[in-house]
PDB file of N, CA and C in Angstrom:
ATOM      1  N   UNK A   1      59.697 105.647  54.759  1.00  0.00           N
ATOM      2  CA  UNK A   1      61.059 105.050  55.095  1.00  0.00           C
ATOM      3  C   UNK A   1      61.118 104.111  54.140  1.00  0.00           C
ATOM      4  N   UNK A   2      62.312 103.663  53.797  1.00  0.00           N
ATOM      5  CA  UNK A   2      62.632 102.889  52.839  1.00  0.00           C
ATOM      6  C   UNK A   2      62.474 101.418  53.133  1.00  0.00           C
ATOM      7  N   UNK A   3      61.734 100.498  52.499  1.00  0.00           N
ATOM      8  CA  UNK A   3      61.539  99.241  53.011  1.00  0.00           C
ATOM      9  C   UNK A   3      62.636  98.564  52.872  1.00  0.00           C
ATOM     10  N   UNK A   4      63.097  97.690  54.224  1.00  0.00           N
ATOM     11  CA  UNK A   4      64.366  96.886  54.359  1.00  0.00           C
ATOM     12  C   UNK A   4      63.781  95.125  53.909  1.00  0.00           C
ATOM     13  N   UNK A   5      64.538  94.576  53.120  1.00  0.00           N
ATOM     14  CA  UNK A   5      63.929  93.381  52.631  1.00  0.00           C
ATOM     15  C   UNK A   5      64.397  92.132  54.100  1.00  0.00           C
ATOM     16  N   UNK A   6      63.391  91.309  53.774  1.00  0.00           N
ATOM     17  CA  UNK A   6      63.306  90.595  55.155  1.00  0.00           C
ATOM     18  C   UNK A   6      64.856  89.678  55.116  1.00  0.00           C
ATOM     19  N   UNK A   7      65.287  89.310  56.447  1.00  0.00           N
ATOM     20  CA  UNK A   7      66.707  88.523  55.943  1.00  0.00           C
ATOM     21  C   UNK A   7      67.797  89.151  55.569  1.00  0.00           C
ATOM     22  N   UNK A   8      67.329  90.519  55.694  1.00  0.00           N
ATOM     23  CA  UNK A   8      68.809  91.488  55.493  1.00  0.00           C
ATOM     24  C   UNK A   8      69.815  91.131  56.354  1.00  0.00           C
ATOM     25  N   UNK A   9      71.034  91.109  55.974  1.00  0.00           N
ATOM     26  CA  UNK A   9      72.145  91.047  56.719  1.00  0.00           C
ATOM     27  C   UNK A   9      72.949  92.312  56.847  1.00  0.00           C
ATOM     28  N   UNK A  10      73.077  92.469  58.392  1.00  0.00           N
ATOM     29  CA  UNK A  10      74.033  93.710  58.673  1.00  0.00           C
ATOM     30  C   UNK A  10      75.119  93.475  59.117  1.00  0.00           C
ATOM     31  N   UNK A  11      76.388  94.346  58.881  1.00  0.00           N
ATOM     32  CA  UNK A  11      77.578  93.979  59.471  1.00  0.00           C
ATOM     33  C   UNK A  11      77.907  95.034  60.098  1.00  0.00           C
ATOM     34  N   UNK A  12      78.384  94.786  61.427  1.00  0.00           N
ATOM     35  CA  UNK A  12      78.896  96.133  62.313  1.00  0.00           C
ATOM     36  C   UNK A  12      80.433  95.667  62.634  1.00  0.00           C
ATOM     37  N   UNK A  13      81.188  96.580  63.064  1.00  0.00           N
ATOM     38  CA  UNK A  13      82.596  96.349  63.904  1.00  0.00           C
ATOM     39  C   UNK A  13      82.415  96.539  65.156  1.00  0.00           C
ATOM     40  N   UNK A  14      82.838  95.763  65.889  1.00  0.00           N
ATOM     41  CA  UNK A  14      82.964  96.140  67.650  1.00  0.00           C
ATOM     42  C   UNK A  14      84.135  96.981  67.968  1.00  0.00           C
ATOM     43  N   UNK A  15      84.156  97.265  69.209  1.00  0.00           N
ATOM     44  CA  UNK A  15      85.192  97.972  69.645  1.00  0.00           C
ATOM     45  C   UNK A  15      86.690  97.345  69.398  1.00  0.00           C
ATOM     46  N   UNK A  16      86.832  96.079  69.425  1.00  0.00           N
ATOM     47  CA  UNK A  16      88.067  95.305  68.902  1.00  0.00           C
ATOM     48  C   UNK A  16      88.430  95.110  67.358  1.00  0.00           C
ATOM     49  N   UNK A  17      87.567  95.723  66.665  1.00  0.00           N
ATOM     50  CA  UNK A  17      87.525  95.579  65.197  1.00  0.00           C
ATOM     51  C   UNK A  17      87.161  94.170  64.359  1.00  0.00           C
ATOM     52  N   UNK A  18      86.252  93.424  65.538  1.00  0.00           N
ATOM     53  CA  UNK A  18      85.943  92.128  64.951  1.00  0.00           C
ATOM     54  C   UNK A  18      84.536  92.520  64.139  1.00  0.00           C
ATOM     55  N   UNK A  19      84.442  91.872  62.737  1.00  0.00           N
ATOM     56  CA  UNK A  19      82.990  91.890  62.414  1.00  0.00           C
ATOM     57  C   UNK A  19      82.094  91.047  62.827  1.00  0.00           C
ATOM     58  N   UNK A  20      80.825  91.540  63.039  1.00  0.00           N
ATOM     59  CA  UNK A  20      80.012  90.976  63.617  1.00  0.00           C
ATOM     60  C   UNK A  20      78.611  91.067  62.653  1.00  0.00           C
ATOM     61  N   UNK A  21      78.178  89.910  62.360  1.00  0.00           N
ATOM     62  CA  UNK A  21      76.948  89.819  61.325  1.00  0.00           C
ATOM     63  C   UNK A  21      75.506  89.848  62.031  1.00  0.00           C
ATOM     64  N   UNK A  22      74.561  90.418  61.754  1.00  0.00           N
ATOM     65  CA  UNK A  22      73.231  90.533  62.266  1.00  0.00           C
ATOM     66  C   UNK A  22      72.341  90.424  60.987  1.00  0.00           C
ATOM     67  N   UNK A  23      71.205  89.587  61.654  1.00  0.00           N
ATOM     68  CA  UNK A  23      69.994  89.755  60.747  1.00  0.00           C
ATOM     69  C   UNK A  23      68.924  90.792  61.102  1.00  0.00           C
ATOM     70  N   UNK A  24      68.529  91.547  60.359  1.00  0.00           N
ATOM     71  CA  UNK A  24      67.706  92.625  60.618  1.00  0.00           C
ATOM     72  C   UNK A  24      66.475  92.079  60.896  1.00  0.00           C
ATOM     73  N   UNK A  25      66.079  91.863  62.085  1.00  0.00           N
ATOM     74  CA  UNK A  25      64.737  91.246  62.738  1.00  0.00           C
ATOM     75  C   UNK A  25      63.417  92.494  62.764  1.00  0.00           C
ATOM     76  N   UNK A  26      63.485  93.446  62.918  1.00  0.00           N
ATOM     77  CA  UNK A  26      62.426  94.689  62.769  1.00  0.00           C
ATOM     78  C   UNK A  26      63.079  95.933  63.159  1.00  0.00           C
ATOM     79  N   UNK A  27      62.107  97.073  62.732  1.00  0.00           N
ATOM     80  CA  UNK A  27      62.466  98.371  62.914  1.00  0.00           C
ATOM     81  C   UNK A  27      61.278  99.102  63.765  1.00  0.00           C
ATOM     82  N   UNK A  28      61.713  99.714  64.974  1.00  0.00           N
ATOM     83  CA  UNK A  28      60.671 100.228  65.845  1.00  0.00           C
ATOM     84  C   UNK A  28      60.998 101.807  65.629  1.00  0.00           C
ATOM     85  N   UNK A  29      59.924 102.474  66.123  1.00  0.00           N
ATOM     86  CA  UNK A  29      60.130 104.063  66.091  1.00  0.00           C
ATOM     87  C   UNK A  29      59.737 104.096  67.723  1.00  0.00           C
ATOM     88  N   UNK A  30      60.646 105.087  68.295  1.00  0.00           N
ATOM     89  CA  UNK A  30      60.077 105.551  69.651  1.00  0.00           C
ATOM     90  C   UNK A  30      60.332 107.241  69.630  1.00  0.00           C
ATOM     91  N   UNK A  31      59.643 107.878  70.198  1.00  0.00           N
ATOM     92  CA  UNK A  31      60.155 109.352  70.085  1.00  0.00           C
ATOM     93  C   UNK A  31      60.497 110.011  68.841  1.00  0.00           C
ATOM     94  N   UNK A  32      59.868 109.642  67.670  1.00  0.00           N
ATOM     95  CA  UNK A  32      60.408 110.028  66.578  1.00  0.00           C
ATOM     96  C   UNK A  32      61.874 109.560  65.962  1.00  0.00           C
ATOM     97  N   UNK A  33      62.326 108.664  66.666  1.00  0.00           N
ATOM     98  CA  UNK A  33      63.728 107.941  66.272  1.00  0.00           C
ATOM     99  C   UNK A  33      63.534 106.450  66.084  1.00  0.00           C
ATOM    100  N   UNK A  34      64.084 106.247  64.913  1.00  0.00           N
ATOM    101  CA  UNK A  34      63.744 104.898  64.331  1.00  0.00           C
ATOM    102  C   UNK A  34      64.976 103.773  65.196  1.00  0.00           C
ATOM    103  N   UNK A  35      64.674 102.689  65.537  1.00  0.00           N
ATOM    104  CA  UNK A  35      65.691 101.702  65.909  1.00  0.00           C
ATOM    105  C   UNK A  35      65.749 100.340  65.497  1.00  0.00           C
ATOM    106  N   UNK A  36      66.922  99.576  65.270  1.00  0.00           N
ATOM    107  CA  UNK A  36      66.602  98.222  64.530  1.00  0.00           C
ATOM    108  C   UNK A  36      66.986  97.326  65.644  1.00  0.00           C
ATOM    109  N   UNK A  37      66.084  96.493  65.311  1.00  0.00           N
ATOM    110  CA  UNK A  37      66.236  95.074  66.117  1.00  0.00           C
ATOM    111  C   UNK A  37      67.020  93.922  65.458  1.00  0.00           C
ATOM    112  N   UNK A  38      68.259  93.787  66.110  1.00  0.00           N
ATOM    113  CA  UNK A  38      69.003  92.802  65.460  1.00  0.00           C
ATOM    114  C   UNK A  38      69.124  91.580  65.824  1.00  0.00           C
ATOM    115  N   UNK A  39      69.296  90.294  65.424  1.00  0.00           N
ATOM    116  CA  UNK A  39      69.637  89.017  65.756  1.00  0.00           C
ATOM    117  C   UNK A  39      71.057  88.797  65.343  1.00  0.00           C
ATOM    118  N   UNK A  40      71.877  88.504  66.269  1.00  0.00           N
ATOM    119  CA  UNK A  40      73.341  87.620  65.705  1.00  0.00           C
ATOM    120  C   UNK A  40      72.956  86.552  64.784  1.00  0.00           C
ATOM    121  N   UNK A  41      73.695  86.521  64.003  1.00  0.00           N
ATOM    122  CA  UNK A  41      73.793  85.414  62.909  1.00  0.00           C
ATOM    123  C   UNK A  41      74.796  84.032  63.398  1.00  0.00           C
ATOM    124  N   UNK A  42      75.575  84.628  64.236  1.00  0.00           N
ATOM    125  CA  UNK A  42      76.876  83.449  64.883  1.00  0.00           C
ATOM    126  C   UNK A  42      76.382  82.921  66.100  1.00  0.00           C
ATOM    127  N   UNK A  43      75.081  83.117  66.441  1.00  0.00           N
ATOM    128  CA  UNK A  43      74.544  82.455  68.051  1.00  0.00           C
ATOM    129  C   UNK A  43      74.646  81.001  67.753  1.00  0.00           C
ATOM    130  N   UNK A  44      75.061  80.529  68.955  1.00  0.00           N
ATOM    131  CA  UNK A  44      75.528  78.816  68.990  1.00  0.00           C
ATOM    132  C   UNK A  44      74.097  78.256  69.077  1.00  0.00           C
ATOM    133  N   UNK A  45      73.948  77.222  68.391  1.00  0.00           N
ATOM    134  CA  UNK A  45      73.076  76.238  68.228  1.00  0.00           C
ATOM    135  C   UNK A  45      72.202  75.830  69.947  1.00  0.00           C
ATOM    136  N   UNK A  46      71.009  76.312  70.346  1.00  0.00           N
ATOM    137  CA  UNK A  46      70.386  76.122  71.365  1.00  0.00           C
ATOM    138  C   UNK A  46      70.627  77.471  72.522  1.00  0.00           C
ATOM    139  N   UNK A  47      71.136  78.350  71.816  1.00  0.00           N
ATOM    140  CA  UNK A  47      71.318  79.659  72.574  1.00  0.00           C
ATOM    141  C   UNK A  47      70.021  80.206  72.558  1.00  0.00           C
ATOM    142  N   UNK A  48      69.534  81.316  73.569  1.00  0.00           N
ATOM    143  CA  UNK A  48      68.124  82.001  72.840  1.00  0.00           C
ATOM    144  C   UNK A  48      68.897  83.213  72.279  1.00  0.00           C
ATOM    145  N   UNK A  49      67.825  83.368  71.258  1.00  0.00           N
ATOM    146  CA  UNK A  49      68.172  84.443  70.299  1.00  0.00           C
ATOM    147  C   UNK A  49      68.148  85.775  71.197  1.00  0.00           C
ATOM    148  N   UNK A  50      69.533  86.399  71.288  1.00  0.00           N
ATOM    149  CA  UNK A  50      69.584  87.911  72.087  1.00  0.00           C
ATOM    150  C   UNK A  50      69.500  88.867  70.848  1.00  0.00           C
ATOM    151  N   UNK A  51      68.464  89.652  71.313  1.00  0.00           N
ATOM    152  CA  UNK A  51      67.971  90.931  70.337  1.00  0.00           C
ATOM    153  C   UNK A  51      68.917  92.063  70.583  1.00  0.00           C
ATOM    154  N   UNK A  52      69.646  92.698  69.765  1.00  0.00           N
ATOM    155  CA  UNK A  52      70.621  93.835  69.725  1.00  0.00           C
ATOM    156  C   UNK A  52      69.679  94.841  69.364  1.00  0.00           C
ATOM    157  N   UNK A  53      69.617  96.130  70.373  1.00  0.00           N
ATOM    158  CA  UNK A  53      69.272  97.264  69.866  1.00  0.00           C
ATOM    159  C   UNK A  53      70.267  98.381  69.466  1.00  0.00           C
ATOM    160  N   UNK A  54      69.747  98.863  68.361  1.00  0.00           N
ATOM    161  CA  UNK A  54      70.816  99.909  67.592  1.00  0.00           C
ATOM    162  C   UNK A  54      69.818 101.113  67.113  1.00  0.00           C
ATOM    163  N   UNK A  55      70.432 102.212  67.216  1.00  0.00           N
ATOM    164  CA  UNK A  55      69.851 103.446  66.987  1.00  0.00           C
ATOM    165  C   UNK A  55      69.963 103.752  65.041  1.00  0.00           C
ATOM    166  N   UNK A  56      68.938 104.087  64.667  1.00  0.00           N
ATOM    167  CA  UNK A  56      69.092 103.919  63.245  1.00  0.00           C
ATOM    168  C   UNK A  56      69.042 105.259  62.535  1.00  0.00           C
ATOM    169  N   UNK A  57      70.017 105.817  61.740  1.00  0.00           N
ATOM    170  CA  UNK A  57      69.754 107.129  61.492  1.00  0.00           C
ATOM    171  C   UNK A  57      70.192 106.835  59.839  1.00  0.00           C
ATOM    172  N   UNK A  58      69.753 107.997  59.164  1.00  0.00           N
ATOM    173  CA  UNK A  58      70.117 107.866  57.662  1.00  0.00           C
ATOM    174  C   UNK A  58      70.943 108.992  57.183  1.00  0.00           C
ATOM    175  N   UNK A  59      71.803 108.519  56.260  1.00  0.00           N
ATOM    176  CA  UNK A  59      73.041 109.561  56.001  1.00  0.00           C
ATOM    177  C   UNK A  59      72.792 109.550  54.501  1.00  0.00           C
ATOM    178  N   UNK A  60      72.253 110.381  53.751  1.00  0.00           N
ATOM    179  CA  UNK A  60      72.074 110.491  52.462  1.00  0.00           C
ATOM    180  C   UNK A  60      70.979 109.040  51.778  1.00  0.00           C
ATOM    181  N   UNK A  61      71.520 108.351  51.079  1.00  0.00           N
ATOM    182  CA  UNK A  61      70.672 107.084  50.952  1.00  0.00           C
ATOM    183  C   UNK A  61      70.925 105.909  52.025  1.00  0.00           C
ATOM    184  N   UNK A  62      72.146 106.190  52.685  1.00  0.00           N
ATOM    185  CA  UNK A  62      72.546 105.053  53.433  1.00  0.00           C
ATOM    186  C   UNK A  62      72.130 105.265  55.203  1.00  0.00           C
ATOM    187  N   UNK A  63      71.794 103.673  55.344  1.00  0.00           N
ATOM    188  CA  UNK A  63      71.587 103.826  57.040  1.00  0.00           C
ATOM    189  C   UNK A  63      72.659 103.479  57.779  1.00  0.00           C
ATOM    190  N   UNK A  64      72.556 104.052  58.742  1.00  0.00           N
ATOM    191  CA  UNK A  64      73.717 103.906  59.713  1.00  0.00           C
ATOM    192  C   UNK A  64      72.966 103.166  61.158  1.00  0.00           C
ATOM    193  N   UNK A  65      73.736 102.267  61.475  1.00  0.00           N
ATOM    194  CA  UNK A  65      73.603 101.740  62.901  1.00  0.00           C
ATOM    195  C   UNK A  65      74.507 101.861  63.678  1.00  0.00           C
ATOM    196  N   UNK A  66      73.932 102.734  64.817  1.00  0.00           N
ATOM    197  CA  UNK A  66      74.586 103.359  65.972  1.00  0.00           C
ATOM    198  C   UNK A  66      74.219 102.641  67.180  1.00  0.00           C
ATOM    199  N   UNK A  67      75.359 102.517  68.178  1.00  0.00           N
ATOM    200  CA  UNK A  67      75.229 101.946  69.646  1.00  0.00           C
ATOM    201  C   UNK A  67      74.378 103.243  70.168  1.00  0.00           C
ATOM    202  N   UNK A  68      73.505 102.585  71.611  1.00  0.00           N
ATOM    203  CA  UNK A  68      72.842 103.455  72.152  1.00  0.00           C
ATOM    204  C   UNK A  68      73.730 103.537  73.367  1.00  0.00           C
ATOM    205  N   UNK A  69      74.280 104.908  73.610  1.00  0.00           N
ATOM    206  CA  UNK A  69      75.167 104.702  74.811  1.00  0.00           C
ATOM    207  C   UNK A  69      74.451 105.373  75.965  1.00  0.00           C
ATOM    208  N   UNK A  70      73.337 106.242  75.705  1.00  0.00           N
ATOM    209  CA  UNK A  70      72.778 106.867  76.742  1.00  0.00           C
ATOM    210  C   UNK A  70      71.880 105.742  77.352  1.00  0.00           C
ATOM    211  N   UNK A  71      72.005 105.298  78.695  1.00  0.00           N
ATOM    212  CA  UNK A  71      71.196 104.371  79.583  1.00  0.00           C
ATOM    213  C   UNK A  71      69.615 104.370  79.524  1.00  0.00           C
ATOM    214  N   UNK A  72      69.269 105.954  79.938  1.00  0.00           N
ATOM    215  CA  UNK A  72      68.056 105.968  79.720  1.00  0.00           C
ATOM    216  C   UNK A  72      67.242 105.992  78.405  1.00  0.00           C
ATOM    217  N   UNK A  73      67.799 106.269  77.278  1.00  0.00           N
ATOM    218  CA  UNK A  73      67.393 106.104  76.023  1.00  0.00           C
ATOM    219  C   UNK A  73      67.255 104.435  75.363  1.00  0.00           C
ATOM    220  N   UNK A  74      68.433 103.729  75.878  1.00  0.00           N
ATOM    221  CA  UNK A  74      68.250 102.095  75.803  1.00  0.00           C
ATOM    222  C   UNK A  74      67.336 101.517  76.588  1.00  0.00           C
ATOM    223  N   UNK A  75      66.753 101.959  77.920  1.00  0.00           N
ATOM    224  CA  UNK A  75      65.675 101.407  78.699  1.00  0.00           C
ATOM    225  C   UNK A  75      64.654 101.679  78.070  1.00  0.00           C
ATOM    226  N   UNK A  76      64.220 103.070  77.878  1.00  0.00           N
ATOM    227  CA  UNK A  76      63.031 103.442  77.140  1.00  0.00           C
ATOM    228  C   UNK A  76      62.764 102.760  75.810  1.00  0.00           C
ATOM    229  N   UNK A  77      63.822 102.508  75.075  1.00  0.00           N
ATOM    230  CA  UNK A  77      63.606 101.436  73.856  1.00  0.00           C
ATOM    231  C   UNK A  77      63.325 100.140  74.027  1.00  0.00           C
ATOM    232  N   UNK A  78      64.147  99.748  75.041  1.00  0.00           N
ATOM    233  CA  UNK A  78      63.941  98.077  75.566  1.00  0.00           C
ATOM    234  C   UNK A  78      62.612  97.955  76.092  1.00  0.00           C
ATOM    235  N   UNK A  79      62.270  98.791  76.914  1.00  0.00           N
ATOM    236  CA  UNK A  79      60.929  98.595  77.671  1.00  0.00           C
ATOM    237  C   UNK A  79      59.896  98.844  76.657  1.00  0.00           C
ATOM    238  N   UNK A  80      59.552  99.514  75.603  1.00  0.00           N
ATOM    239  CA  UNK A  80      58.690  99.688  74.516  1.00  0.00           C
ATOM    240  C   UNK A  80      58.922  98.187  73.656  1.00  0.00           C
ATOM    241  N   UNK A  81      59.909  97.781  73.283  1.00  0.00           N
ATOM    242  CA  UNK A  81      60.143  96.483  72.617  1.00  0.00           C
ATOM    243  C   UNK A  81      59.630  95.305  73.610  1.00  0.00           C
ATOM    244  N   UNK A  82      59.718  95.146  74.959  1.00  0.00           N
ATOM    245  CA  UNK A  82      59.070  94.537  75.722  1.00  0.00           C
ATOM    246  C   UNK A  82      57.673  94.515  75.468  1.00  0.00           C
ATOM    247  N   UNK A  83      57.045  95.534  75.637  1.00  0.00           N
ATOM    248  CA  UNK A  83      55.601  95.720  75.533  1.00  0.00           C
ATOM    249  C   UNK A  83      54.909  95.118  74.315  1.00  0.00           C
ATOM    250  N   UNK A  84      55.652  95.192  73.501  1.00  0.00           N
ATOM    251  CA  UNK A  84      55.453  94.836  72.048  1.00  0.00           C
ATOM    252  C   UNK A  84      55.281  93.039  72.235  1.00  0.00           C
ATOM    253  N   UNK A  85      56.347  92.656  72.818  1.00  0.00           N
ATOM    254  CA  UNK A  85      56.328  91.010  72.998  1.00  0.00           C
ATOM    255  C   UNK A  85      55.317  90.975  73.640  1.00  0.00           C
ATOM    256  N   UNK A  86      54.658  91.317  74.770  1.00  0.00           N
ATOM    257  CA  UNK A  86      53.942  91.034  75.846  1.00  0.00           C
ATOM    258  C   UNK A  86      52.545  91.201  75.036  1.00  0.00           C
ATOM    259  N   UNK A  87      52.275  91.954  74.310  1.00  0.00           N
ATOM    260  CA  UNK A  87      50.966  92.049  73.260  1.00  0.00           C
ATOM    261  C   UNK A  87      51.003  91.068  72.369  1.00  0.00           C
ATOM    262  N   UNK A  88      52.195  90.602  71.864  1.00  0.00           N
ATOM    263  CA  UNK A  88      51.709  89.346  70.924  1.00  0.00           C
ATOM    264  C   UNK A  88      51.405  88.091  72.054  1.00  0.00           C
ATOM    265  N   UNK A  89      52.029  87.899  72.972  1.00  0.00           N
ATOM    266  CA  UNK A  89      51.629  86.639  73.623  1.00  0.00           C
ATOM    267  C   UNK A  89      50.140  86.689  74.065  1.00  0.00           C
TER     268      UNK A  89
END
């Protein structure tokens, strides 16, 4: 897999057409599928950083960030990320 630069900024567009900027925090692999952990760059001062999970796929040389619509898939990835956080503590 191609290495991402640290502090890489990602822009996505929400359902209302608003551009949302994220910082790429990490990439994890669950069941042979890669997922991006993203931190919103516009979080208000003092707010907890809420990590956003997105499915990562590659189309040619470009990486695509897709929302995870399947609740079971989302829960599986979220549980995996939480287990990583528990190991770090």
